[in-house]
PDB file of N, CA and C in Angstrom:
ATOM      1  N   MET A   1      66.367 -90.537 189.204  1.00  0.00           N
ATOM      2  CA  MET A   1      65.439 -90.564 188.264  1.00  0.00           C
ATOM      3  C   MET A   1      66.430 -90.652 186.791  1.00  0.00           C
ATOM      4  N   ALA A   2      66.474 -91.500 185.846  1.00  0.00           N
ATOM      5  CA  ALA A   2      66.948 -91.766 184.396  1.00  0.00           C
ATOM      6  C   ALA A   2      66.416 -90.379 183.606  1.00  0.00           C
ATOM      7  N   LYS A   3      67.065 -89.755 182.939  1.00  0.00           N
ATOM      8  CA  LYS A   3      66.758 -88.707 182.090  1.00  0.00           C
ATOM      9  C   LYS A   3      66.324 -89.494 180.684  1.00  0.00           C
ATOM     10  N   LYS A   4      65.333 -88.924 179.969  1.00  0.00           N
ATOM     11  CA  LYS A   4      65.136 -89.570 178.838  1.00  0.00           C
ATOM     12  C   LYS A   4      65.478 -89.190 177.299  1.00  0.00           C
ATOM     13  N   THR A   5      66.184 -89.448 176.520  1.00  0.00           N
ATOM     14  CA  THR A   5      66.751 -88.681 175.743  1.00  0.00           C
ATOM     15  C   THR A   5      65.557 -88.988 174.520  1.00  0.00           C
ATOM     16  N   ASN A   6      65.793 -87.732 173.833  1.00  0.00           N
ATOM     17  CA  ASN A   6      65.052 -88.048 172.386  1.00  0.00           C
ATOM     18  C   ASN A   6      66.020 -88.433 170.809  1.00  0.00           C
ATOM     19  N   ASP A   7      66.831 -89.427 171.186  1.00  0.00           N
ATOM     20  CA  ASP A   7      67.565 -89.937 170.066  1.00  0.00           C
ATOM     21  C   ASP A   7      66.610 -90.818 169.169  1.00  0.00           C
ATOM     22  N   GLU A   8      67.159 -90.944 167.983  1.00  0.00           N
ATOM     23  CA  GLU A   8      66.250 -91.244 166.988  1.00  0.00           C
ATOM     24  C   GLU A   8      67.020 -92.159 166.037  1.00  0.00           C
ATOM     25  N   ILE A   9      66.537 -93.459 165.452  1.00  0.00           N
ATOM     26  CA  ILE A   9      67.146 -94.186 164.481  1.00  0.00           C
ATOM     27  C   ILE A   9      65.829 -94.257 163.412  1.00  0.00           C
ATOM     28  N   THR A  10      66.519 -93.723 162.208  1.00  0.00           N
ATOM     29  CA  THR A  10      65.532 -93.865 160.975  1.00  0.00           C
ATOM     30  C   THR A  10      66.137 -94.762 160.211  1.00  0.00           C
ATOM     31  N   ASN A  11      65.533 -95.111 159.070  1.00  0.00           N
ATOM     32  CA  ASN A  11      65.985 -95.952 158.133  1.00  0.00           C
ATOM     33  C   ASN A  11      65.737 -95.548 156.653  1.00  0.00           C
ATOM     34  N   SER A  12      66.500 -96.384 155.810  1.00  0.00           N
ATOM     35  CA  SER A  12      65.934 -96.388 154.069  1.00  0.00           C
ATOM     36  C   SER A  12      65.512 -97.430 153.794  1.00  0.00           C
ATOM     37  N   VAL A  13      65.016 -98.496 154.545  1.00  0.00           N
ATOM     38  CA  VAL A  13      64.937 -99.826 154.150  1.00  0.00           C
ATOM     39  C   VAL A  13      63.769 -99.696 152.911  1.00  0.00           C
ATOM     40  N   TYR A  14      62.559 -98.930 153.227  1.00  0.00           N
ATOM     41  CA  TYR A  14      61.641 -98.739 151.876  1.00  0.00           C
ATOM     42  C   TYR A  14      62.313 -98.339 150.654  1.00  0.00           C
ATOM     43  N   GLU A  15      63.461 -97.496 150.481  1.00  0.00           N
ATOM     44  CA  GLU A  15      63.931 -97.087 149.320  1.00  0.00           C
ATOM     45  C   GLU A  15      64.910 -98.478 148.725  1.00  0.00           C
ATOM     46  N   TYR A  16      65.780 -98.852 149.377  1.00  0.00           N
ATOM     47  CA  TYR A  16      66.570-100.297 149.391  1.00  0.00           C
ATOM     48  C   TYR A  16      65.555-101.371 148.588  1.00  0.00           C
ATOM     49  N   ARG A  17      64.614-101.681 149.458  1.00  0.00           N
ATOM     50  CA  ARG A  17      63.501-102.953 148.696  1.00  0.00           C
ATOM     51  C   ARG A  17      62.941-102.172 147.760  1.00  0.00           C
ATOM     52  N   VAL A  18      62.390-101.174 147.460  1.00  0.00           N
ATOM     53  CA  VAL A  18      61.804-100.464 146.056  1.00  0.00           C
ATOM     54  C   VAL A  18      62.707-100.854 144.943  1.00  0.00           C
ATOM     55  N   LEU A  19      64.312-100.209 145.212  1.00  0.00           N
ATOM     56  CA  LEU A  19      65.333-100.597 144.125  1.00  0.00           C
ATOM     57  C   LEU A  19      65.457-101.933 144.043  1.00  0.00           C
ATOM     58  N   LYS A  20      65.084-102.772 144.689  1.00  0.00           N
ATOM     59  CA  LYS A  20      65.601-104.058 144.534  1.00  0.00           C
ATOM     60  C   LYS A  20      64.134-104.674 143.970  1.00  0.00           C
ATOM     61  N   ARG A  21      63.089-103.958 143.968  1.00  0.00           N
ATOM     62  CA  ARG A  21      61.497-104.485 143.424  1.00  0.00           C
ATOM     63  C   ARG A  21      60.951-105.801 144.162  1.00  0.00           C
ATOM     64  N   MET A  22      61.211-105.713 145.369  1.00  0.00           N
ATOM     65  CA  MET A  22      60.631-106.654 146.385  1.00  0.00           C
ATOM     66  C   MET A  22      59.570-106.013 146.986  1.00  0.00           C
ATOM     67  N   THR A  23      58.638-107.063 147.433  1.00  0.00           N
ATOM     68  CA  THR A  23      57.703-106.671 147.946  1.00  0.00           C
ATOM     69  C   THR A  23      58.129-106.915 149.554  1.00  0.00           C
ATOM     70  N   GLN A  24      57.169-106.462 150.281  1.00  0.00           N
ATOM     71  CA  GLN A  24      57.360-106.711 152.090  1.00  0.00           C
ATOM     72  C   GLN A  24      57.483-108.121 152.477  1.00  0.00           C
ATOM     73  N   GLN A  25      56.541-108.329 151.840  1.00  0.00           N
ATOM     74  CA  GLN A  25      56.547-110.172 152.360  1.00  0.00           C
ATOM     75  C   GLN A  25      57.802-110.581 151.766  1.00  0.00           C
ATOM     76  N   ASP A  26      58.533-110.597 150.659  1.00  0.00           N
ATOM     77  CA  ASP A  26      59.726-110.958 150.424  1.00  0.00           C
ATOM     78  C   ASP A  26      60.810-110.751 151.151  1.00  0.00           C
ATOM     79  N   LEU A  27      61.037-109.179 151.376  1.00  0.00           N
ATOM     80  CA  LEU A  27      62.012-109.053 152.288  1.00  0.00           C
ATOM     81  C   LEU A  27      61.870-109.575 153.761  1.00  0.00           C
ATOM     82  N   ALA A  28      60.837-109.427 154.284  1.00  0.00           N
ATOM     83  CA  ALA A  28      60.252-110.041 155.653  1.00  0.00           C
ATOM     84  C   ALA A  28      60.896-111.747 155.496  1.00  0.00           C
ATOM     85  N   LYS A  29      60.463-112.222 154.611  1.00  0.00           N
ATOM     86  CA  LYS A  29      61.095-113.861 154.312  1.00  0.00           C
ATOM     87  C   LYS A  29      62.383-114.127 154.480  1.00  0.00           C
ATOM     88  N   ALA A  30      62.913-112.905 153.676  1.00  0.00           N
ATOM     89  CA  ALA A  30      64.477-113.223 153.555  1.00  0.00           C
ATOM     90  C   ALA A  30      65.061-112.928 154.402  1.00  0.00           C
ATOM     91  N   VAL A  31      64.721-112.199 155.858  1.00  0.00           N
ATOM     92  CA  VAL A  31      65.642-111.711 157.144  1.00  0.00           C
ATOM     93  C   VAL A  31      64.792-112.301 157.869  1.00  0.00           C
ATOM     94  N   GLY A  32      63.990-112.971 158.009  1.00  0.00           N
ATOM     95  CA  GLY A  32      63.246-113.826 158.986  1.00  0.00           C
ATOM     96  C   GLY A  32      62.193-113.218 160.140  1.00  0.00           C
ATOM     97  N   VAL A  33      61.647-112.304 159.350  1.00  0.00           N
ATOM     98  CA  VAL A  33      60.476-111.578 160.160  1.00  0.00           C
ATOM     99  C   VAL A  33      59.158-111.611 159.783  1.00  0.00           C
ATOM    100  N   SER A  34      58.244-110.817 160.258  1.00  0.00           N
ATOM    101  CA  SER A  34      56.874-110.779 159.558  1.00  0.00           C
ATOM    102  C   SER A  34      57.009-109.670 158.609  1.00  0.00           C
ATOM    103  N   ARG A  35      55.821-109.576 158.078  1.00  0.00           N
ATOM    104  CA  ARG A  35      55.471-108.510 157.012  1.00  0.00           C
ATOM    105  C   ARG A  35      55.203-107.485 157.667  1.00  0.00           C
ATOM    106  N   GLN A  36      54.664-107.463 159.100  1.00  0.00           N
ATOM    107  CA  GLN A  36      54.520-106.590 159.371  1.00  0.00           C
ATOM    108  C   GLN A  36      55.301-105.624 160.320  1.00  0.00           C
ATOM    109  N   THR A  37      56.503-106.515 160.362  1.00  0.00           N
ATOM    110  CA  THR A  37      57.539-105.693 161.168  1.00  0.00           C
ATOM    111  C   THR A  37      58.529-105.150 160.223  1.00  0.00           C
ATOM    112  N   ILE A  38      58.289-105.364 158.687  1.00  0.00           N
ATOM    113  CA  ILE A  38      58.833-104.452 157.638  1.00  0.00           C
ATOM    114  C   ILE A  38      58.040-103.224 157.459  1.00  0.00           C
ATOM    115  N   ILE A  39      56.848-103.549 157.793  1.00  0.00           N
ATOM    116  CA  ILE A  39      55.834-102.465 157.492  1.00  0.00           C
ATOM    117  C   ILE A  39      55.885-101.297 158.401  1.00  0.00           C
ATOM    118  N   VAL A  40      56.099-101.766 160.002  1.00  0.00           N
ATOM    119  CA  VAL A  40      56.551-100.443 160.923  1.00  0.00           C
ATOM    120  C   VAL A  40      57.773-100.097 160.876  1.00  0.00           C
ATOM    121  N   MET A  41      58.961-100.764 160.420  1.00  0.00           N
ATOM    122  CA  MET A  41      60.014-100.279 160.128  1.00  0.00           C
ATOM    123  C   MET A  41      60.200 -99.529 159.129  1.00  0.00           C
ATOM    124  N   GLU A  42      59.647 -99.799 158.124  1.00  0.00           N
ATOM    125  CA  GLU A  42      59.638 -98.368 156.917  1.00  0.00           C
ATOM    126  C   GLU A  42      58.786 -97.239 157.475  1.00  0.00           C
ATOM    127  N   LYS A  43      58.020 -97.426 158.412  1.00  0.00           N
ATOM    128  CA  LYS A  43      57.322 -96.066 158.789  1.00  0.00           C
ATOM    129  C   LYS A  43      58.073 -95.566 159.777  1.00  0.00           C
ATOM    130  N   ASN A  44      59.246 -95.915 160.368  1.00  0.00           N
ATOM    131  CA  ASN A  44      59.905 -95.710 161.164  1.00  0.00           C
ATOM    132  C   ASN A  44      59.346 -95.557 162.444  1.00  0.00           C
ATOM    133  N   LYS A  45      58.306 -96.226 162.608  1.00  0.00           N
ATOM    134  CA  LYS A  45      57.731 -96.494 164.001  1.00  0.00           C
ATOM    135  C   LYS A  45      58.436 -98.012 164.594  1.00  0.00           C
ATOM    136  N   TYR A  46      59.386 -98.614 164.234  1.00  0.00           N
ATOM    137  CA  TYR A  46      60.053 -99.626 164.973  1.00  0.00           C
ATOM    138  C   TYR A  46      61.529 -99.552 164.764  1.00  0.00           C
ATOM    139  N   THR A  47      62.228 -99.841 166.037  1.00  0.00           N
ATOM    140  CA  THR A  47      63.725 -99.366 165.632  1.00  0.00           C
ATOM    141  C   THR A  47      64.069-101.272 165.942  1.00  0.00           C
ATOM    142  N   PRO A  48      64.814-101.640 164.920  1.00  0.00           N
ATOM    143  CA  PRO A  48      65.131-103.105 164.793  1.00  0.00           C
ATOM    144  C   PRO A  48      66.384-103.532 165.898  1.00  0.00           C
ATOM    145  N   SER A  49      66.429-104.595 166.215  1.00  0.00           N
ATOM    146  CA  SER A  49      67.356-105.200 166.945  1.00  0.00           C
ATOM    147  C   SER A  49      68.643-105.002 165.899  1.00  0.00           C
ATOM    148  N   LEU A  50      69.849-105.026 166.774  1.00  0.00           N
ATOM    149  CA  LEU A  50      71.133-104.757 166.110  1.00  0.00           C
ATOM    150  C   LEU A  50      71.114-105.724 165.191  1.00  0.00           C
ATOM    151  N   LEU A  51      70.961-107.036 165.513  1.00  0.00           N
ATOM    152  CA  LEU A  51      71.075-108.376 164.810  1.00  0.00           C
ATOM    153  C   LEU A  51      70.180-108.399 163.501  1.00  0.00           C
ATOM    154  N   LEU A  52      68.764-107.939 163.593  1.00  0.00           N
ATOM    155  CA  LEU A  52      67.982-108.025 162.530  1.00  0.00           C
ATOM    156  C   LEU A  52      68.680-106.406 161.562  1.00  0.00           C
ATOM    157  N   ALA A  53      69.360-105.710 162.276  1.00  0.00           N
ATOM    158  CA  ALA A  53      69.620-104.410 161.254  1.00  0.00           C
ATOM    159  C   ALA A  53      70.797-104.795 160.422  1.00  0.00           C
ATOM    160  N   PHE A  54      71.897-105.647 160.642  1.00  0.00           N
ATOM    161  CA  PHE A  54      72.941-106.087 160.359  1.00  0.00           C
ATOM    162  C   PHE A  54      72.388-107.273 159.353  1.00  0.00           C
ATOM    163  N   LYS A  55      71.145-108.020 159.411  1.00  0.00           N
ATOM    164  CA  LYS A  55      70.832-108.552 158.446  1.00  0.00           C
ATOM    165  C   LYS A  55      70.139-108.224 157.480  1.00  0.00           C
ATOM    166  N   ILE A  56      69.372-107.186 157.609  1.00  0.00           N
ATOM    167  CA  ILE A  56      68.887-106.372 156.605  1.00  0.00           C
ATOM    168  C   ILE A  56      70.161-105.588 155.679  1.00  0.00           C
ATOM    169  N   ALA A  57      71.120-105.005 156.339  1.00  0.00           N
ATOM    170  CA  ALA A  57      72.283-104.325 155.486  1.00  0.00           C
ATOM    171  C   ALA A  57      73.280-105.586 154.487  1.00  0.00           C
ATOM    172  N   GLU A  58      73.193-106.676 155.050  1.00  0.00           N
ATOM    173  CA  GLU A  58      73.780-107.817 154.588  1.00  0.00           C
ATOM    174  C   GLU A  58      73.082-108.054 153.548  1.00  0.00           C
ATOM    175  N   PHE A  59      72.086-108.394 153.538  1.00  0.00           N
ATOM    176  CA  PHE A  59      71.180-108.700 152.666  1.00  0.00           C
ATOM    177  C   PHE A  59      71.037-107.992 151.366  1.00  0.00           C
ATOM    178  N   PHE A  60      70.990-106.441 151.614  1.00  0.00           N
ATOM    179  CA  PHE A  60      71.023-105.485 150.296  1.00  0.00           C
ATOM    180  C   PHE A  60      72.688-105.194 149.830  1.00  0.00           C
ATOM    181  N   ASP A  61      73.263-105.978 150.601  1.00  0.00           N
ATOM    182  CA  ASP A  61      75.197-105.858 150.243  1.00  0.00           C
ATOM    183  C   ASP A  61      75.380-104.238 150.604  1.00  0.00           C
ATOM    184  N   ALA A  62      74.756-103.585 151.579  1.00  0.00           N
ATOM    185  CA  ALA A  62      75.140-102.372 151.771  1.00  0.00           C
ATOM    186  C   ALA A  62      75.795-102.232 153.213  1.00  0.00           C
ATOM    187  N   ASP A  63      76.245-101.120 153.444  1.00  0.00           N
ATOM    188  CA  ASP A  63      77.011-100.737 154.958  1.00  0.00           C
ATOM    189  C   ASP A  63      75.581-100.389 155.819  1.00  0.00           C
ATOM    190  N   ILE A  64      75.805-100.796 157.200  1.00  0.00           N
ATOM    191  CA  ILE A  64      74.366-100.730 157.906  1.00  0.00           C
ATOM    192  C   ILE A  64      74.490 -99.113 157.998  1.00  0.00           C
ATOM    193  N   HIS A  65      75.385 -98.372 157.859  1.00  0.00           N
ATOM    194  CA  HIS A  65      74.980 -96.964 158.109  1.00  0.00           C
ATOM    195  C   HIS A  65      74.467 -96.140 157.062  1.00  0.00           C
ATOM    196  N   ASP A  66      74.669 -96.721 156.138  1.00  0.00           N
ATOM    197  CA  ASP A  66      73.726 -96.347 154.666  1.00  0.00           C
ATOM    198  C   ASP A  66      72.384 -96.662 154.918  1.00  0.00           C
ATOM    199  N   ILE A  67      71.910 -97.831 155.390  1.00  0.00           N
ATOM    200  CA  ILE A  67      70.408 -97.995 155.466  1.00  0.00           C
ATOM    201  C   ILE A  67      69.939 -97.264 156.909  1.00  0.00           C
ATOM    202  N   PHE A  68      70.941 -97.459 158.140  1.00  0.00           N
ATOM    203  CA  PHE A  68      70.109 -97.078 158.992  1.00  0.00           C
ATOM    204  C   PHE A  68      70.873 -95.571 159.792  1.00  0.00           C
ATOM    205  N   LYS A  69      70.394 -94.502 159.914  1.00  0.00           N
ATOM    206  CA  LYS A  69      70.972 -93.388 160.442  1.00  0.00           C
ATOM    207  C   LYS A  69      70.291 -93.189 162.083  1.00  0.00           C
ATOM    208  N   TYR A  70      71.375 -92.877 162.749  1.00  0.00           N
ATOM    209  CA  TYR A  70      71.326 -92.456 164.216  1.00  0.00           C
ATOM    210  C   TYR A  70      71.546 -90.873 164.284  1.00  0.00           C
ATOM    211  N   LYS A  71      69.973 -90.247 164.792  1.00  0.00           N
ATOM    212  CA  LYS A  71      70.038 -89.125 165.024  1.00  0.00           C
ATOM    213  C   LYS A  71      70.193 -88.798 166.590  1.00  0.00           C
ATOM    214  N   PRO A  72      71.364 -88.209 167.244  1.00  0.00           N
ATOM    215  CA  PRO A  72      70.756 -87.856 168.378  1.00  0.00           C
ATOM    216  C   PRO A  72      70.034 -86.719 168.766  1.00  0.00           C
ATOM    217  N   GLY A  73      69.305 -86.787 169.887  1.00  0.00           N
ATOM    218  CA  GLY A  73      68.679 -85.786 170.425  1.00  0.00           C
ATOM    219  C   GLY A  73      69.127 -85.238 171.782  1.00  0.00           C
ATOM    220  N   GLY A  74      68.226 -84.288 172.222  1.00  0.00           N
ATOM    221  CA  GLY A  74      68.681 -83.574 173.593  1.00  0.00           C
ATOM    222  C   GLY A  74      67.926 -84.487 175.004  1.00  0.00           C
ATOM    223  N   GLN A  75      68.166 -83.773 175.662  1.00  0.00           N
ATOM    224  CA  GLN A  75      67.751 -84.971 177.240  1.00  0.00           C
ATOM    225  C   GLN A  75      66.163 -84.096 177.564  1.00  0.00           C
ATOM    226  N   ASP A  76      65.490 -84.722 178.118  1.00  0.00           N
ATOM    227  CA  ASP A  76      64.471 -84.347 178.839  1.00  0.00           C
ATOM    228  C   ASP A  76      64.679 -83.950 180.470  1.00  0.00           C
ATOM    229  N   ASP A  77      64.417 -82.771 180.613  1.00  0.00           N
ATOM    230  CA  ASP A  77      65.052 -82.566 182.157  1.00  0.00           C
ATOM    231  C   ASP A  77      63.805 -83.256 182.927  1.00  0.00           C
TER     232      ASP A  77
END
């Protein structure tokens, strides 16, 4: 049986969006997703695909590592 890890990816999408004075709808349209996707992503309840993460980083002209943070966790036995 495969072990489950408690790894986590958090993001700063909200902070970047607010600094740019954009609505969630504006960002959603710019990167080609729904407003609901932006909402759950900002709440760290949705981990975007790598492609979407790169689109967001490129849109904000930022390094992907500045917006998305990987936090390794332990493994459940």
